[in-house]
Protein backbone atom coordinates (compact mmCIF):
# COMPACT_ATOMS: atom_id res chain seq x y z
CA UNK A 1 -51.15 -2.78 -35.06
CA UNK A 2 -53.48 -0.35 -33.29
CA UNK A 3 -53.79 1.71 -36.47
CA UNK A 4 -54.64 -1.39 -38.49
CA UNK A 5 -57.23 -2.50 -35.94
CA UNK A 6 -58.86 0.94 -35.92
CA UNK A 7 -58.91 1.04 -39.72
CA UNK A 8 -60.54 -2.40 -39.76
CA UNK A 9 -63.22 -1.22 -37.32
CA UNK A 10 -63.89 1.79 -39.54
CA UNK A 11 -64.24 -0.56 -42.50
CA UNK A 12 -66.72 -2.69 -40.54
CA UNK A 13 -68.76 0.46 -39.89
CA UNK A 14 -69.05 0.77 -43.67
CA UNK A 15 -70.58 -2.71 -43.78
CA UNK A 16 -73.23 -1.64 -41.27
CA UNK A 17 -73.89 1.62 -43.12
CA UNK A 18 -74.34 -0.15 -46.45
CA UNK A 19 -76.58 -2.72 -44.79
CA UNK A 20 -79.01 0.08 -43.87
CA UNK A 21 -79.30 1.39 -47.44
CA UNK A 22 -82.36 -0.61 -48.57
CA UNK A 23 -84.58 0.44 -45.68
CA UNK A 24 -83.43 4.06 -45.82
CA UNK A 25 -83.85 4.43 -49.59
CA UNK A 26 -87.35 3.04 -49.31
CA UNK A 27 -88.21 5.43 -46.46
CA UNK A 28 -86.99 8.44 -48.45
CA UNK A 29 -88.87 7.39 -51.59
CA UNK A 30 -92.13 7.22 -49.65
CA UNK A 31 -91.97 10.98 -49.06
CA UNK A 32 -89.92 12.28 -51.99
CA UNK A 33 -90.72 9.74 -54.70
CA UNK A 34 -88.46 7.19 -56.37
CA UNK A 35 -86.66 9.63 -58.68
CA UNK A 36 -86.76 12.82 -56.63
CA UNK A 37 -85.81 11.00 -53.45
CA UNK A 38 -82.86 9.30 -55.13
CA UNK A 39 -81.73 12.60 -56.68
CA UNK A 40 -81.78 14.27 -53.26
CA UNK A 41 -79.97 11.35 -51.63
CA UNK A 42 -77.10 11.31 -54.10
CA UNK A 43 -76.84 15.11 -54.02
CA UNK A 44 -76.47 15.20 -50.24
CA UNK A 45 -74.21 12.12 -50.29
CA UNK A 46 -71.97 13.91 -52.82
CA UNK A 47 -71.56 16.76 -50.36
CA UNK A 48 -70.63 14.29 -47.60
CA UNK A 49 -68.06 12.68 -49.91
CA UNK A 50 -66.57 16.05 -50.83
CA UNK A 51 -66.13 16.76 -47.11
CA UNK A 52 -64.68 13.35 -46.22
CA UNK A 53 -62.73 12.21 -49.30
CA UNK A 54 -62.50 15.36 -51.40
CA UNK A 55 -62.74 15.76 -55.14
CA UNK A 56 -60.37 13.51 -57.12
CA UNK A 57 -57.76 14.72 -59.59
CA UNK A 58 -59.55 13.74 -62.75
CA UNK A 59 -56.52 14.58 -64.89
CA UNK A 60 -54.72 11.62 -63.30
CA UNK A 61 -57.48 9.14 -64.20
CA UNK A 62 -56.86 6.76 -67.10
CA UNK A 63 -59.29 7.70 -69.88
CA UNK A 64 -60.84 4.21 -69.94
CA UNK A 65 -61.48 4.31 -66.19
CA UNK A 66 -63.02 7.77 -66.41
CA UNK A 67 -65.40 6.70 -69.19
CA UNK A 68 -66.28 3.12 -68.25
CA UNK A 69 -66.15 3.73 -64.51
CA UNK A 70 -68.60 6.62 -64.84
CA UNK A 71 -71.01 4.74 -67.10
CA UNK A 72 -71.08 1.54 -65.06
CA UNK A 73 -71.16 3.21 -61.62
CA UNK A 74 -73.93 5.64 -62.52
CA UNK A 75 -75.95 2.90 -64.24
CA UNK A 76 -75.68 0.67 -61.18
CA UNK A 77 -76.71 3.35 -58.71
CA UNK A 78 -79.69 4.27 -60.88
CA UNK A 79 -80.77 0.62 -60.98
CA UNK A 80 -80.33 0.20 -57.23
CA UNK A 81 -82.15 3.31 -56.07
CA UNK A 82 -84.99 3.16 -58.59
CA UNK A 83 -85.60 -0.56 -58.14
CA UNK A 84 -86.22 0.01 -54.43
CA UNK A 85 -88.19 3.20 -55.00
CA UNK A 86 -90.46 1.60 -57.59
CA UNK A 87 -91.32 -1.38 -55.36
CA UNK A 88 -95.05 -1.74 -54.69
CA UNK A 89 -94.66 -2.71 -51.02
CA UNK A 90 -92.03 -2.62 -48.31
CA UNK A 91 -91.69 -6.40 -48.46
CA UNK A 92 -91.09 -6.16 -52.19
CA UNK A 93 -88.46 -3.46 -51.63
CA UNK A 94 -86.57 -5.82 -49.30
CA UNK A 95 -86.83 -8.64 -51.84
CA UNK A 96 -85.56 -6.33 -54.59
CA UNK A 97 -82.62 -5.40 -52.38
CA UNK A 98 -81.85 -9.10 -51.94
CA UNK A 99 -81.80 -9.64 -55.72
CA UNK A 100 -79.22 -6.85 -55.93
CA UNK A 101 -76.97 -8.82 -53.55
CA UNK A 102 -76.29 -11.38 -56.24
CA UNK A 103 -73.42 -9.09 -57.23
CA UNK A 104 -70.71 -10.70 -55.03
CA UNK A 105 -71.21 -14.12 -56.64
CA UNK A 106 -71.54 -12.56 -60.09
CA UNK A 107 -68.36 -10.54 -59.50
CA UNK A 108 -66.36 -13.66 -58.67
CA UNK A 109 -67.64 -15.46 -61.76
CA UNK A 110 -66.85 -12.40 -63.92
CA UNK A 111 -63.34 -12.16 -62.48
CA UNK A 112 -62.74 -15.82 -63.33
CA UNK A 113 -64.07 -15.48 -66.89
CA UNK A 114 -62.71 -12.07 -67.88
CA UNK A 115 -59.75 -11.42 -65.55
CA UNK A 116 -58.42 -14.98 -65.49
CA UNK A 117 -58.80 -15.06 -61.72
CA UNK A 118 -57.57 -18.45 -60.49
CA UNK A 119 -60.18 -20.51 -58.68
CA UNK A 120 -61.31 -24.02 -57.89
CA UNK A 121 -64.54 -25.91 -58.53
CA UNK A 122 -66.05 -24.58 -55.29
CA UNK A 123 -67.24 -21.59 -57.33
CA UNK A 124 -69.85 -23.75 -59.10
CA UNK A 125 -71.88 -24.83 -56.04
CA UNK A 126 -71.34 -21.35 -54.58
CA UNK A 127 -72.91 -19.62 -57.56
CA UNK A 128 -75.77 -22.14 -57.77
CA UNK A 129 -76.54 -21.78 -54.05
CA UNK A 130 -76.66 -17.97 -54.38
CA UNK A 131 -79.10 -18.24 -57.30
CA UNK A 132 -81.18 -20.79 -55.38
CA UNK A 133 -81.27 -18.41 -52.41
CA UNK A 134 -82.80 -15.66 -54.56
CA UNK A 135 -85.37 -18.11 -55.91
CA UNK A 136 -86.12 -19.12 -52.31
CA UNK A 137 -86.66 -15.49 -51.31
CA UNK A 138 -88.92 -14.75 -54.28
CA UNK A 139 -90.97 -17.89 -53.70
CA UNK A 140 -92.62 -16.30 -50.69
CA UNK A 141 -93.90 -18.35 -47.78
CA UNK A 142 -93.43 -21.61 -49.70
CA UNK A 143 -89.69 -21.18 -50.19
CA UNK A 144 -88.65 -22.52 -53.58
CA UNK A 145 -91.89 -22.47 -55.54
CA UNK A 146 -91.63 -21.64 -59.25
CA UNK A 147 -95.27 -20.50 -59.82
CA UNK A 148 -95.13 -18.20 -56.76
CA UNK A 149 -91.75 -16.82 -57.83
CA UNK A 150 -92.97 -16.03 -61.36
CA UNK A 151 -96.16 -14.45 -60.03
CA UNK A 152 -94.08 -12.34 -57.65
CA UNK A 153 -91.84 -11.09 -60.45
CA UNK A 154 -94.80 -10.43 -62.77
CA UNK A 155 -96.34 -8.21 -60.09
CA UNK A 156 -93.51 -5.71 -60.62
CA UNK A 157 -91.08 -6.77 -63.37
CA UNK A 158 -89.54 -3.28 -63.52
CA UNK A 159 -88.22 -3.33 -59.94
CA UNK A 160 -86.95 -6.91 -60.08
CA UNK A 161 -85.50 -6.34 -63.54
CA UNK A 162 -83.65 -3.21 -62.44
CA UNK A 163 -82.27 -4.98 -59.36
CA UNK A 164 -80.95 -7.93 -61.38
CA UNK A 165 -79.55 -5.64 -64.06
CA UNK A 166 -77.85 -3.63 -61.33
CA UNK A 167 -76.21 -6.77 -59.93
CA UNK A 168 -74.83 -7.58 -63.38
CA UNK A 169 -73.61 -4.01 -63.90
CA UNK A 170 -71.85 -3.86 -60.52
CA UNK A 171 -70.13 -7.17 -61.23
CA UNK A 172 -68.96 -5.66 -64.52
CA UNK A 173 -67.83 -2.48 -62.74
CA UNK A 174 -65.75 -4.42 -60.22
CA UNK A 175 -64.24 -6.58 -62.96
CA UNK A 176 -63.43 -3.74 -65.35
CA UNK A 177 -62.13 -1.18 -62.86
CA UNK A 178 -59.83 -3.75 -61.27
CA UNK A 179 -57.90 -3.71 -64.54
CA UNK A 180 -58.06 -0.06 -65.61
CA UNK A 181 -58.32 2.12 -62.47
CA UNK A 182 -54.59 2.02 -61.63
CA UNK A 183 -55.38 2.65 -57.97
CA UNK A 184 -57.58 5.69 -58.58
CA UNK A 185 -60.86 6.22 -56.70
CA UNK A 186 -63.51 8.20 -58.55
CA UNK A 187 -66.40 7.60 -56.16
CA UNK A 188 -66.97 11.32 -55.43
CA UNK A 189 -67.12 12.18 -59.12
CA UNK A 190 -69.35 9.17 -59.81
CA UNK A 191 -71.80 10.17 -57.07
CA UNK A 192 -72.04 13.69 -58.49
CA UNK A 193 -72.70 12.25 -61.97
CA UNK A 194 -75.37 9.94 -60.52
CA UNK A 195 -77.10 12.91 -58.86
CA UNK A 196 -76.99 14.84 -62.15
CA UNK A 197 -78.47 11.90 -64.08
CA UNK A 198 -81.30 11.55 -61.57
CA UNK A 199 -82.08 15.28 -61.63
CA UNK A 200 -82.21 15.16 -65.44
CA UNK A 201 -84.66 12.26 -65.25
CA UNK A 202 -86.75 14.12 -62.69
CA UNK A 203 -86.83 17.38 -64.66
CA UNK A 204 -87.33 16.02 -68.18
CA UNK A 205 -89.21 12.75 -67.65
CA UNK A 206 -91.02 13.69 -64.48
CA UNK A 207 -91.44 12.27 -61.02
CA UNK A 208 -93.62 12.32 -57.94
CA UNK A 209 -93.97 15.65 -56.15
CA UNK A 210 -91.60 15.85 -53.18
CA UNK A 211 -93.09 16.45 -49.73
CA UNK A 212 -90.53 17.67 -47.23
CA UNK A 213 -91.35 17.07 -43.59
CA UNK A 214 -89.37 16.00 -40.54
CA UNK A 215 -89.68 12.31 -41.48
CA UNK A 216 -88.36 12.95 -45.00
CA UNK A 217 -85.49 15.17 -43.85
CA UNK A 218 -84.31 12.76 -41.14
CA UNK A 219 -84.33 9.74 -43.43
CA UNK A 220 -82.75 11.74 -46.26
CA UNK A 221 -79.85 12.69 -43.99
CA UNK A 222 -79.50 9.10 -42.76
CA UNK A 223 -79.61 7.61 -46.27
CA UNK A 224 -77.15 10.11 -47.72
CA UNK A 225 -74.84 9.64 -44.73
CA UNK A 226 -74.96 5.86 -45.07
CA UNK A 227 -74.08 6.14 -48.75
CA UNK A 228 -71.42 8.82 -48.59
CA UNK A 229 -69.71 7.95 -45.31
CA UNK A 230 -70.06 4.24 -46.11
CA UNK A 231 -67.79 4.63 -49.12
CA UNK A 232 -65.41 6.86 -47.15
CA UNK A 233 -65.17 4.36 -44.27
CA UNK A 234 -64.70 1.43 -46.64
CA UNK A 235 -61.88 3.30 -48.37
CA UNK A 236 -60.06 3.71 -45.03
CA UNK A 237 -60.59 0.05 -44.14
CA UNK A 238 -59.37 -1.31 -47.48
CA UNK A 239 -56.29 0.93 -47.53
CA UNK A 240 -55.17 0.50 -43.91
CA UNK A 241 -57.15 -2.35 -42.32
CA UNK A 242 -57.43 -6.13 -42.48
CA UNK A 243 -58.78 -6.75 -45.98
CA UNK A 244 -59.54 -10.42 -45.25
CA UNK A 245 -61.79 -9.55 -42.30
CA UNK A 246 -63.55 -6.82 -44.28
CA UNK A 247 -64.11 -9.03 -47.31
CA UNK A 248 -65.54 -11.79 -45.15
CA UNK A 249 -67.87 -9.38 -43.33
CA UNK A 250 -69.10 -7.83 -46.56
CA UNK A 251 -70.54 -11.14 -47.74
CA UNK A 252 -72.99 -11.10 -44.84
CA UNK A 253 -74.47 -7.75 -45.89
CA UNK A 254 -77.60 -9.43 -47.36
CA UNK A 255 -78.64 -10.74 -43.94
CA UNK A 256 -77.71 -7.50 -42.14
CA UNK A 257 -79.54 -5.49 -44.80
CA UNK A 258 -82.73 -7.57 -44.55
CA UNK A 259 -82.71 -7.32 -40.75
CA UNK A 260 -82.23 -3.55 -40.71
CA UNK A 261 -84.75 -2.99 -43.52
CA UNK A 262 -87.33 -5.10 -41.72
CA UNK A 263 -86.76 -2.98 -38.59
CA UNK A 264 -86.83 0.39 -40.35
CA UNK A 265 -89.82 -0.47 -42.54
CA UNK A 266 -91.64 -2.40 -39.78
CA UNK A 267 -92.06 -5.36 -42.12
CA UNK A 268 -91.98 -8.90 -40.73
CA UNK A 269 -90.13 -11.46 -42.85
CA UNK A 270 -90.88 -15.18 -43.09
CA UNK A 271 -88.60 -18.08 -42.22
CA UNK A 272 -88.29 -18.91 -45.91
CA UNK A 273 -86.99 -15.39 -46.57
CA UNK A 274 -84.24 -15.80 -43.99
CA UNK A 275 -83.39 -19.21 -45.37
CA UNK A 276 -83.00 -17.70 -48.84
CA UNK A 277 -80.90 -14.83 -47.45
CA UNK A 278 -78.60 -17.32 -45.74
CA UNK A 279 -78.20 -19.18 -49.04
CA UNK A 280 -77.22 -15.97 -50.83
CA UNK A 281 -74.57 -15.31 -48.17
CA UNK A 282 -73.31 -18.90 -48.22
CA UNK A 283 -73.10 -18.91 -52.01
CA UNK A 284 -71.12 -15.66 -52.03
CA UNK A 285 -68.73 -16.94 -49.36
CA UNK A 286 -68.13 -20.17 -51.31
CA UNK A 287 -67.40 -18.17 -54.47
CA UNK A 288 -64.96 -16.06 -52.47
CA UNK A 289 -63.26 -19.11 -50.96
CA UNK A 290 -62.93 -20.59 -54.45
CA UNK A 291 -60.67 -17.72 -55.45
CA UNK A 292 -58.56 -17.68 -52.29
CA UNK A 293 -54.94 -18.76 -52.63
CA UNK A 294 -53.27 -20.92 -49.99
CA UNK A 295 -49.60 -21.03 -49.14
CA UNK A 296 -47.84 -24.37 -49.31
CA UNK A 297 -46.33 -25.51 -45.97
CA UNK A 298 -42.79 -24.26 -45.34
CA UNK A 299 -42.57 -22.50 -48.72
CA UNK A 300 -43.43 -19.13 -50.12
CA UNK A 301 -45.35 -20.68 -53.00
CA UNK A 302 -49.09 -20.53 -53.38
CA UNK A 303 -51.62 -22.97 -54.72
CA UNK A 304 -55.26 -22.76 -55.75
């Protein structure tokens, strides 16, 4: 019991580490640029993963998982890091991060459609509330306001587009790998591939010159640590801890992330932003509850 409790606590640390990602990525990109900063982050995070998890035995990976897992994971991480790095302002970076957190609701819907995950009708209001929450966030001070939302997106369609694409890709990754991974974990390999892809972009397409100072180095170490050790801690929690507690906590990452990003980036957020964030969390939780199975009283059977 003590081991399970400790593993659960380690898993909860992963939730906090991941919640800090948006603010830290943005801080690194301010000094090292969107592409160069991301390349450095994933390079250092790969080293942390090699030290904590080690390099996987690729020969044991199913070929489909090796190919599709690599493509989807790398694509998602590129979308996530560059969407935040390309944001015009710190407030926009936080909003972009919130758009990315549509992935839990999208993952549940994908699992229902493609993996025949059993669910109930609660998934419909859950998904709609999550979408409404994003619209509420993008509407600015007015909350849900279509003209303001469209104007906000048009100010930087690349960042918002990358964030939404990333949410779709991560939902696909979770859905696909659940069927083809066979219990394998390629996160270390995938991080190394992401770093390589970013360095190729930086060298052949170009990027902002990197300025290394104490601020950049500190935030680089923090961001890479949050990424690398976050995955390592989550792995421990999922394997040996209380999965139900961890899953429930993970759906509140949008609120934790916004709070930490606002603190790190010194960016005040409006009431309407927090209302939208709460909707995203609520929608994700409802989608999760829709797929939960319940035991019938006094029997070992389950119902949906």
